[in-house]
Protein backbone atom coordinates (compact mmCIF):
# COMPACT_ATOMS: atom_id res chain seq x y z
CA UNK A 1 -38.77 2.15 -23.82
CA UNK A 2 -35.70 0.05 -24.59
CA UNK A 3 -32.67 1.05 -22.59
CA UNK A 4 -29.40 1.90 -24.27
CA UNK A 5 -27.29 -1.27 -24.52
CA UNK A 6 -24.01 0.61 -24.51
CA UNK A 7 -21.94 0.33 -21.31
CA UNK A 8 -22.40 3.12 -18.80
CA UNK A 9 -19.62 5.54 -17.86
CA UNK A 10 -19.09 3.43 -14.74
CA UNK A 11 -18.15 0.50 -16.92
CA UNK A 12 -15.66 2.63 -18.84
CA UNK A 13 -14.08 3.90 -15.63
CA UNK A 14 -14.05 0.35 -14.29
CA UNK A 15 -12.10 -0.82 -17.34
CA UNK A 16 -9.74 2.13 -16.91
CA UNK A 17 -9.14 1.29 -13.25
CA UNK A 18 -8.49 -2.34 -14.16
CA UNK A 19 -5.85 -1.28 -16.72
CA UNK A 20 -4.22 1.09 -14.21
CA UNK A 21 -3.93 -1.66 -11.58
CA UNK A 22 -2.40 -4.10 -14.08
CA UNK A 23 0.10 -1.56 -15.43
CA UNK A 24 1.17 -0.53 -11.92
CA UNK A 25 2.83 -3.92 -11.52
CA UNK A 26 5.13 -3.44 -14.51
CA UNK A 27 8.34 -1.83 -13.30
CA UNK A 28 10.10 -1.57 -16.68
CA UNK A 29 7.44 0.04 -18.89
CA UNK A 30 8.51 3.69 -19.11
CA UNK A 31 7.88 6.74 -21.26
CA UNK A 32 11.07 8.74 -21.01
CA UNK A 33 11.94 8.81 -17.33
CA UNK A 34 8.42 8.14 -16.05
CA UNK A 35 6.69 4.78 -15.72
CA UNK A 36 3.77 4.33 -18.10
CA UNK A 37 1.40 3.57 -15.21
CA UNK A 38 2.39 6.83 -13.49
CA UNK A 39 1.66 8.78 -16.66
CA UNK A 40 -1.74 7.07 -16.93
CA UNK A 41 -2.54 7.98 -13.31
CA UNK A 42 -1.77 11.64 -13.99
CA UNK A 43 -3.91 11.67 -17.13
CA UNK A 44 -6.77 9.92 -15.31
CA UNK A 45 -6.61 12.47 -12.49
CA UNK A 46 -6.95 15.30 -15.01
CA UNK A 47 -9.85 13.42 -16.63
CA UNK A 48 -11.61 13.19 -13.26
CA UNK A 49 -10.93 16.85 -12.52
CA UNK A 50 -12.47 17.86 -15.86
CA UNK A 51 -15.43 15.55 -15.27
CA UNK A 52 -16.04 16.92 -11.77
CA UNK A 53 -15.82 20.48 -13.07
CA UNK A 54 -18.37 19.76 -15.81
CA UNK A 55 -20.91 18.31 -13.37
CA UNK A 56 -20.14 20.95 -10.73
CA UNK A 57 -19.06 18.47 -8.07
CA UNK A 58 -15.74 20.02 -7.23
CA UNK A 59 -13.87 19.08 -4.08
CA UNK A 60 -10.23 20.03 -4.37
CA UNK A 61 -9.47 20.24 -0.65
CA UNK A 62 -7.34 17.08 -0.53
CA UNK A 63 -5.44 18.13 -3.66
CA UNK A 64 -4.76 21.56 -2.17
CA UNK A 65 -3.53 19.93 1.03
CA UNK A 66 -1.17 17.67 -0.90
CA UNK A 67 0.00 20.62 -3.01
CA UNK A 68 0.84 22.75 0.02
CA UNK A 69 2.54 19.73 1.59
CA UNK A 70 4.63 19.26 -1.55
CA UNK A 71 5.59 22.95 -1.56
CA UNK A 72 6.64 22.84 2.11
CA UNK A 73 8.67 19.64 1.77
CA UNK A 74 10.30 20.89 -1.43
CA UNK A 75 11.37 24.13 0.25
CA UNK A 76 12.85 22.12 3.11
CA UNK A 77 14.74 19.91 0.66
CA UNK A 78 16.03 22.78 -1.49
CA UNK A 79 17.16 24.61 1.63
CA UNK A 80 19.38 21.66 2.63
CA UNK A 81 23.07 22.03 1.78
CA UNK A 82 23.80 18.31 2.15
CA UNK A 83 24.62 16.10 -0.82
CA UNK A 84 21.62 14.62 -2.62
CA UNK A 85 20.99 12.17 -5.46
CA UNK A 86 17.85 12.39 -7.62
CA UNK A 87 16.20 15.18 -5.63
CA UNK A 88 14.05 16.27 -8.57
CA UNK A 89 12.57 12.74 -8.83
CA UNK A 90 11.06 13.03 -5.34
CA UNK A 91 9.81 16.57 -5.99
CA UNK A 92 7.98 15.46 -9.16
CA UNK A 93 6.40 12.55 -7.28
CA UNK A 94 5.07 14.78 -4.49
CA UNK A 95 3.81 17.47 -6.85
CA UNK A 96 2.28 15.24 -9.54
CA UNK A 97 2.32 11.47 -9.15
CA UNK A 98 1.30 10.99 -5.51
CA UNK A 99 -1.54 13.59 -5.52
CA UNK A 100 -2.82 12.20 -8.82
CA UNK A 101 -2.74 8.64 -7.48
CA UNK A 102 -4.54 9.58 -4.26
CA UNK A 103 -7.16 11.56 -6.19
CA UNK A 104 -7.77 8.70 -8.64
CA UNK A 105 -8.29 6.31 -5.72
CA UNK A 106 -10.68 8.71 -3.98
CA UNK A 107 -12.73 9.40 -7.08
CA UNK A 108 -12.80 5.82 -8.32
CA UNK A 109 -15.30 5.00 -5.56
CA UNK A 110 -17.74 7.49 -7.06
CA UNK A 111 -16.96 6.77 -10.69
CA UNK A 112 -17.10 2.98 -10.51
CA UNK A 113 -19.20 2.17 -7.44
CA UNK A 114 -18.14 -0.04 -4.59
CA UNK A 115 -19.95 -3.16 -5.83
CA UNK A 116 -17.71 -3.45 -8.88
CA UNK A 117 -14.51 -2.78 -6.97
CA UNK A 118 -14.52 -6.17 -5.22
CA UNK A 119 -14.67 -7.97 -8.55
CA UNK A 120 -11.92 -5.79 -10.03
CA UNK A 121 -9.65 -6.34 -7.03
CA UNK A 122 -10.11 -10.12 -7.17
CA UNK A 123 -9.40 -10.38 -10.89
CA UNK A 124 -6.31 -8.18 -10.55
CA UNK A 125 -5.02 -10.21 -7.56
CA UNK A 126 -5.55 -13.40 -9.60
CA UNK A 127 -3.62 -11.95 -12.55
CA UNK A 128 -0.77 -10.77 -10.29
CA UNK A 129 -0.48 -14.27 -8.82
CA UNK A 130 -0.86 -16.05 -12.17
CA UNK A 131 1.88 -13.97 -13.79
CA UNK A 132 4.15 -14.59 -10.79
CA UNK A 133 3.58 -18.37 -11.13
CA UNK A 134 4.33 -18.22 -14.85
CA UNK A 135 7.55 -16.24 -14.44
CA UNK A 136 8.72 -18.47 -11.59
CA UNK A 137 7.93 -21.88 -13.08
CA UNK A 138 7.79 -21.54 -16.88
CA UNK A 139 10.93 -21.34 -19.09
CA UNK A 140 10.43 -17.74 -20.17
CA UNK A 141 13.41 -16.32 -22.11
CA UNK A 142 15.50 -13.74 -20.26
CA UNK A 143 15.03 -11.28 -23.14
CA UNK A 144 11.28 -11.23 -22.43
CA UNK A 145 11.78 -11.01 -18.67
CA UNK A 146 13.94 -7.92 -19.14
CA UNK A 147 11.00 -6.23 -20.87
CA UNK A 148 8.42 -6.84 -18.17
CA UNK A 149 10.17 -7.18 -14.79
CA UNK A 150 13.04 -5.62 -12.91
CA UNK A 151 15.94 -8.07 -13.21
CA UNK A 152 18.17 -7.49 -10.20
CA UNK A 153 21.77 -8.28 -9.39
CA UNK A 154 22.24 -10.20 -6.16
CA UNK A 155 24.72 -9.49 -3.41
CA UNK A 156 27.09 -12.07 -4.86
CA UNK A 157 27.00 -10.45 -8.27
CA UNK A 158 24.66 -12.99 -9.87
CA UNK A 159 21.32 -12.13 -11.44
CA UNK A 160 18.22 -13.50 -9.81
CA UNK A 161 14.45 -13.18 -9.60
CA UNK A 162 12.44 -13.73 -6.44
CA UNK A 163 8.79 -14.81 -6.60
CA UNK A 164 7.76 -11.30 -7.54
CA UNK A 165 5.79 -11.40 -10.77
CA UNK A 166 6.36 -8.22 -12.76
CA UNK A 167 6.95 -6.13 -9.64
CA UNK A 168 10.17 -4.40 -8.62
CA UNK A 169 10.68 -6.99 -5.89
CA UNK A 170 8.84 -9.70 -3.93
CA UNK A 171 7.82 -7.33 -1.11
CA UNK A 172 5.91 -5.05 -3.47
CA UNK A 173 4.24 -8.04 -5.12
CA UNK A 174 3.11 -9.28 -1.71
CA UNK A 175 1.81 -5.88 -0.56
CA UNK A 176 -0.11 -5.09 -3.74
CA UNK A 177 -1.60 -8.57 -4.00
CA UNK A 178 -2.65 -8.85 -0.36
CA UNK A 179 -4.16 -5.35 -0.58
CA UNK A 180 -6.37 -6.46 -3.48
CA UNK A 181 -7.42 -9.63 -1.69
CA UNK A 182 -8.13 -7.96 1.66
CA UNK A 183 -9.96 -5.03 0.03
CA UNK A 184 -12.18 -7.35 -2.02
CA UNK A 185 -13.02 -9.56 0.96
CA UNK A 186 -13.85 -6.60 3.22
CA UNK A 187 -16.15 -5.07 0.61
CA UNK A 188 -17.97 -8.36 0.06
CA UNK A 189 -18.25 -9.04 3.79
CA UNK A 190 -19.42 -5.57 4.78
CA UNK A 191 -21.84 -4.95 1.94
CA UNK A 192 -22.97 -8.59 1.61
CA UNK A 193 -21.93 -8.81 -2.05
CA UNK A 194 -21.52 -12.57 -2.47
CA UNK A 195 -21.87 -14.59 -5.69
CA UNK A 196 -24.27 -17.54 -5.80
CA UNK A 197 -21.38 -20.02 -6.17
CA UNK A 198 -18.67 -19.18 -3.66
CA UNK A 199 -16.49 -22.16 -4.62
CA UNK A 200 -14.85 -20.05 -7.34
CA UNK A 201 -14.00 -17.36 -4.80
CA UNK A 202 -12.53 -19.98 -2.48
CA UNK A 203 -10.30 -21.28 -5.27
CA UNK A 204 -9.19 -17.76 -6.18
CA UNK A 205 -8.34 -16.84 -2.59
CA UNK A 206 -6.39 -20.08 -2.06
CA UNK A 207 -4.58 -19.64 -5.38
CA UNK A 208 -3.48 -16.10 -4.44
CA UNK A 209 -2.69 -17.01 -0.81
CA UNK A 210 -0.22 -19.68 -1.94
CA UNK A 211 1.44 -17.08 -4.16
CA UNK A 212 1.76 -14.79 -1.13
CA UNK A 213 3.46 -17.59 0.80
CA UNK A 214 5.85 -18.19 -2.11
CA UNK A 215 6.83 -14.51 -2.05
CA UNK A 216 8.39 -15.22 1.37
CA UNK A 217 7.42 -11.76 2.55
CA UNK A 218 7.10 -11.65 6.33
CA UNK A 219 5.74 -8.14 6.79
CA UNK A 220 2.29 -8.78 5.30
CA UNK A 221 1.65 -11.67 7.69
CA UNK A 222 2.93 -9.65 10.66
CA UNK A 223 0.63 -6.80 9.59
CA UNK A 224 -2.46 -9.03 9.25
CA UNK A 225 -1.83 -10.67 12.63
CA UNK A 226 -1.31 -7.28 14.29
CA UNK A 227 -4.50 -5.95 12.72
CA UNK A 228 -6.40 -8.91 14.17
CA UNK A 229 -5.11 -8.10 17.65
CA UNK A 230 -5.82 -4.38 17.13
CA UNK A 231 -9.46 -5.14 16.26
CA UNK A 232 -9.86 -7.22 19.42
CA UNK A 233 -8.31 -4.47 21.57
CA UNK A 234 -10.43 -1.79 19.86
CA UNK A 235 -13.59 -3.77 20.50
CA UNK A 236 -12.73 -4.14 24.19
CA UNK A 237 -11.81 -0.47 24.63
CA UNK A 238 -14.76 0.91 22.67
CA UNK A 239 -17.28 -1.28 24.47
CA UNK A 240 -15.85 -0.21 27.83
CA UNK A 241 -15.97 3.47 26.89
CA UNK A 242 -19.43 3.44 25.31
CA UNK A 243 -21.04 0.60 27.27
CA UNK A 244 -23.39 2.92 29.14
CA UNK A 245 -24.06 5.46 26.41
CA UNK A 246 -24.73 2.88 23.69
CA UNK A 247 -25.87 -0.02 25.84
CA UNK A 248 -29.22 -0.16 24.07
CA UNK A 249 -28.13 1.49 20.82
CA UNK A 250 -26.49 -1.16 18.68
CA UNK A 251 -27.09 0.96 15.59
CA UNK A 252 -24.07 3.12 16.36
CA UNK A 253 -21.75 2.27 13.42
CA UNK A 254 -18.54 1.77 15.40
CA UNK A 255 -20.22 -0.39 18.05
CA UNK A 256 -22.14 -2.30 15.39
CA UNK A 257 -19.01 -3.27 13.49
CA UNK A 258 -16.86 -4.05 16.50
CA UNK A 259 -19.69 -6.08 18.05
CA UNK A 260 -19.60 -8.37 15.02
CA UNK A 261 -16.03 -9.35 15.90
CA UNK A 262 -15.90 -12.55 17.93
CA UNK A 263 -12.76 -12.27 20.11
CA UNK A 264 -12.48 -16.02 20.66
CA UNK A 265 -12.85 -16.93 16.98
CA UNK A 266 -10.54 -14.09 15.93
CA UNK A 267 -7.88 -15.13 18.45
CA UNK A 268 -8.13 -18.75 17.33
CA UNK A 269 -7.83 -17.68 13.70
CA UNK A 270 -4.72 -15.63 14.55
CA UNK A 271 -3.16 -18.51 16.47
CA UNK A 272 -3.96 -20.93 13.65
CA UNK A 273 -2.32 -18.56 11.15
CA UNK A 274 0.78 -18.25 13.35
CA UNK A 275 1.09 -22.04 13.79
CA UNK A 276 0.53 -22.58 10.06
CA UNK A 277 3.23 -20.07 9.13
CA UNK A 278 5.65 -21.51 11.68
CA UNK A 279 4.96 -25.04 10.40
CA UNK A 280 5.54 -24.02 6.76
CA UNK A 281 8.71 -22.18 7.79
CA UNK A 282 10.09 -25.28 9.53
CA UNK A 283 9.40 -27.50 6.52
CA UNK A 284 11.38 -25.28 4.12
CA UNK A 285 14.99 -26.18 3.33
CA UNK A 286 15.76 -22.45 3.46
CA UNK A 287 13.49 -21.03 6.20
CA UNK A 288 11.94 -17.63 5.64
CA UNK A 289 12.54 -16.73 9.29
CA UNK A 290 15.50 -17.90 11.35
CA UNK A 291 17.76 -16.68 14.13
CA UNK A 292 20.57 -16.19 11.63
CA UNK A 293 18.30 -14.09 9.39
CA UNK A 294 17.21 -11.96 12.35
CA UNK A 295 20.81 -11.38 13.42
CA UNK A 296 21.77 -10.41 9.88
CA UNK A 297 18.94 -7.87 9.66
CA UNK A 298 19.83 -6.36 13.03
CA UNK A 299 23.58 -6.23 12.43
CA UNK A 300 23.86 -5.57 8.69
CA UNK A 301 20.49 -4.30 7.47
CA UNK A 302 17.46 -2.71 9.19
CA UNK A 303 18.90 -2.64 12.70
CA UNK A 304 22.09 -0.98 11.58
CA UNK A 305 20.24 1.50 9.35
CA UNK A 306 17.87 2.34 12.22
CA UNK A 307 20.75 3.32 14.53
CA UNK A 308 22.39 5.44 11.81
CA UNK A 309 19.12 7.27 11.04
CA UNK A 310 18.48 7.99 14.72
CA UNK A 311 22.00 9.44 15.01
CA UNK A 312 21.37 11.67 11.99
CA UNK A 313 18.08 12.89 13.48
CA UNK A 314 19.78 13.53 16.81
CA UNK A 315 22.50 15.56 15.04
CA UNK A 316 19.75 17.72 13.50
CA UNK A 317 18.19 18.38 16.93
CA UNK A 318 15.44 15.94 15.91
CA UNK A 319 14.26 18.25 13.13
CA UNK A 320 15.53 16.23 10.17
CA UNK A 321 15.30 17.98 6.82
CA UNK A 322 18.44 16.69 5.11
CA UNK A 323 16.65 16.79 1.77
CA UNK A 324 15.20 14.40 -0.80
CA UNK A 325 17.94 12.19 -2.20
CA UNK A 326 20.16 12.58 0.87
CA UNK A 327 19.62 8.93 1.85
CA UNK A 328 21.12 7.56 -1.37
CA UNK A 329 24.01 10.02 -1.27
CA UNK A 330 24.85 9.44 2.39
CA UNK A 331 24.62 5.65 2.48
CA UNK A 332 26.54 5.27 -0.80
CA UNK A 333 29.46 7.27 0.64
CA UNK A 334 29.63 5.57 4.04
CA UNK A 335 32.86 3.69 4.91
CA UNK A 336 30.84 0.61 5.88
CA UNK A 337 28.05 -1.14 3.97
CA UNK A 338 24.41 -1.59 5.00
CA UNK A 339 22.54 -4.21 3.02
CA UNK A 340 19.84 -2.73 0.80
CA UNK A 341 21.09 0.85 1.08
CA UNK A 342 23.50 2.84 -1.00
CA UNK A 343 23.66 3.49 -4.72
CA UNK A 344 20.28 2.96 -6.37
CA UNK A 345 18.35 2.98 -3.08
CA UNK A 346 16.69 6.29 -2.29
CA UNK A 347 14.84 5.47 0.96
CA UNK A 348 15.52 3.74 4.27
CA UNK A 349 13.41 0.83 5.50
CA UNK A 350 11.08 2.80 7.78
CA UNK A 351 8.99 5.18 5.67
CA UNK A 352 8.20 7.60 8.48
CA UNK A 353 11.78 7.84 9.69
CA UNK A 354 12.79 8.35 6.07
CA UNK A 355 10.43 11.27 5.43
CA UNK A 356 11.38 12.79 8.80
CA UNK A 357 15.05 12.53 7.85
CA UNK A 358 14.48 13.91 4.34
CA UNK A 359 11.70 16.48 4.68
CA UNK A 360 11.85 17.33 8.41
CA UNK A 361 9.00 17.11 10.89
CA UNK A 362 6.85 18.82 8.26
CA UNK A 363 7.08 15.71 6.06
CA UNK A 364 6.28 13.42 8.98
CA UNK A 365 3.24 15.51 9.96
CA UNK A 366 2.09 15.57 6.32
CA UNK A 367 2.08 11.78 6.11
CA UNK A 368 0.44 11.34 9.52
CA UNK A 369 -2.36 13.67 8.40
CA UNK A 370 -2.81 11.71 5.16
CA UNK A 371 -3.32 8.61 7.30
CA UNK A 372 -5.76 10.42 9.61
CA UNK A 373 -7.82 11.64 6.63
CA UNK A 374 -7.96 8.08 5.28
CA UNK A 375 -8.89 6.11 8.39
CA UNK A 376 -12.30 5.63 9.99
CA UNK A 377 -13.82 3.04 12.29
CA UNK A 378 -17.15 3.23 10.46
CA UNK A 379 -16.13 0.61 7.89
CA UNK A 380 -13.73 -2.33 7.97
CA UNK A 381 -12.17 -1.16 4.69
CA UNK A 382 -11.44 2.31 6.07
CA UNK A 383 -9.88 0.80 9.19
CA UNK A 384 -8.02 -2.30 8.01
CA UNK A 385 -6.45 -1.01 4.77
CA UNK A 386 -4.91 2.14 6.31
CA UNK A 387 -3.63 0.03 9.23
CA UNK A 388 -2.14 -2.47 6.78
CA UNK A 389 -0.23 0.26 4.95
CA UNK A 390 0.79 1.99 8.18
CA UNK A 391 2.31 -1.21 9.55
CA UNK A 392 3.95 -2.11 6.25
CA UNK A 393 5.39 1.39 5.93
CA UNK A 394 7.12 1.00 9.28
CA UNK A 395 9.17 -1.88 7.86
CA UNK A 396 9.44 -0.83 4.21
CA UNK A 397 9.77 2.37 2.12
CA UNK A 398 6.07 2.12 1.22
CA UNK A 399 5.39 5.86 1.01
CA UNK A 400 7.49 5.96 -2.14
CA UNK A 401 5.11 3.60 -3.95
CA UNK A 402 1.87 4.42 -5.77
CA UNK A 403 -0.11 1.63 -4.09
CA UNK A 404 0.25 3.43 -0.74
CA UNK A 405 -1.54 6.54 -2.04
CA UNK A 406 -3.99 4.60 -4.20
CA UNK A 407 -5.40 2.53 -1.32
CA UNK A 408 -5.36 5.42 1.14
CA UNK A 409 -7.19 7.39 -1.55
CA UNK A 410 -9.76 4.61 -1.92
CA UNK A 411 -10.29 4.64 1.85
CA UNK A 412 -10.60 8.44 1.83
CA UNK A 413 -13.14 8.19 -1.00
CA UNK A 414 -15.31 5.76 0.98
CA UNK A 415 -15.22 8.09 3.98
CA UNK A 416 -16.24 11.07 1.85
CA UNK A 417 -19.03 9.20 0.06
CA UNK A 418 -20.54 6.94 2.72
CA UNK A 419 -19.48 8.21 6.12
CA UNK A 420 -19.77 11.97 5.74
CA UNK A 421 -22.53 12.17 3.15
CA UNK A 422 -24.52 9.20 4.53
CA UNK A 423 -25.29 7.98 1.01
CA UNK A 424 -26.35 4.42 0.33
CA UNK A 425 -23.75 2.45 -1.60
CA UNK A 426 -24.15 2.36 -5.38
């Protein structure tokens, strides 16, 4: 009997996921006060909820957890008597946008299948990089740029665009793009999903990697290098702990994956990456990293903000809970200026210090639990991607961005589908 030639529901959901990932990069497309991509994530979450209800595969535990977390953090914020700017914006995100994004990521594993995700991630990473190249090097009229990308005002009052594509800034371009690339590679490597001609993949990865270098973002490279060292340390520790118990049982998933890591090759790869980055940095007329830059960040940016936040936490008996929107209010009324904070900036550089300051220890515990739910040593994806976002969030306000919840949701979905249920990948 001839099979139906129409695309399956997995194809439809794959197309939908592709559209969501593309639209997430556009920072100026809004419907009222909400970004179009955020609205699409909410609608997709409701679509998945309805679909799960119809096929009687309901699992709302993670949504209930995020809902109770949102209620608790909102009560903490509303109870604060300190000045706040845009409090309702954060409340809406924690009640609607972040749970919807996490749920879409978790369910997309089931709806699309992991084989197709690698291809989707690679195409999206290529498009992110291609658009960034076009905006940076082609004479695109400013009127068009204003429609598709956030056009910022520099510290000297002049308008400028970093190598950021259509993202809010270069850091978010780098994080989203490297996430796609790393996720795709880990899926292909772990599940042995390689095309017959790998030359095209090599070109794509080089094309995107150069774009990541042009973004001049340091955190992603620091995160990848740290993850390499973490994997080596984990292998050593796990083999020491389980050497007797699993000496003859190489089928144990954690041992099996860590055993595949060659410490010498991994260390050499890390050292090569460090030397390459240092060499590129030295060749630039305006180095990405320099002593002067480090001093500026410590004295006028992150270092200064860090000391102020610690003092605020100390004044609250280390409980925090100043409320959502307190950061923008407080830093915009300070007698001295901290670069990157103040009017228009609602979060400090360290995500976990920020949520502790804003939503008390309850908010910090909430986000730590989200990480715990999303991390597992059974798969490289469920180990590396959460670590990448954890490290990035310690240097950037990542927990305020949809990509954070989307990729943690994807990791959570893999754990639920393949680790706990022991299903073969689709």
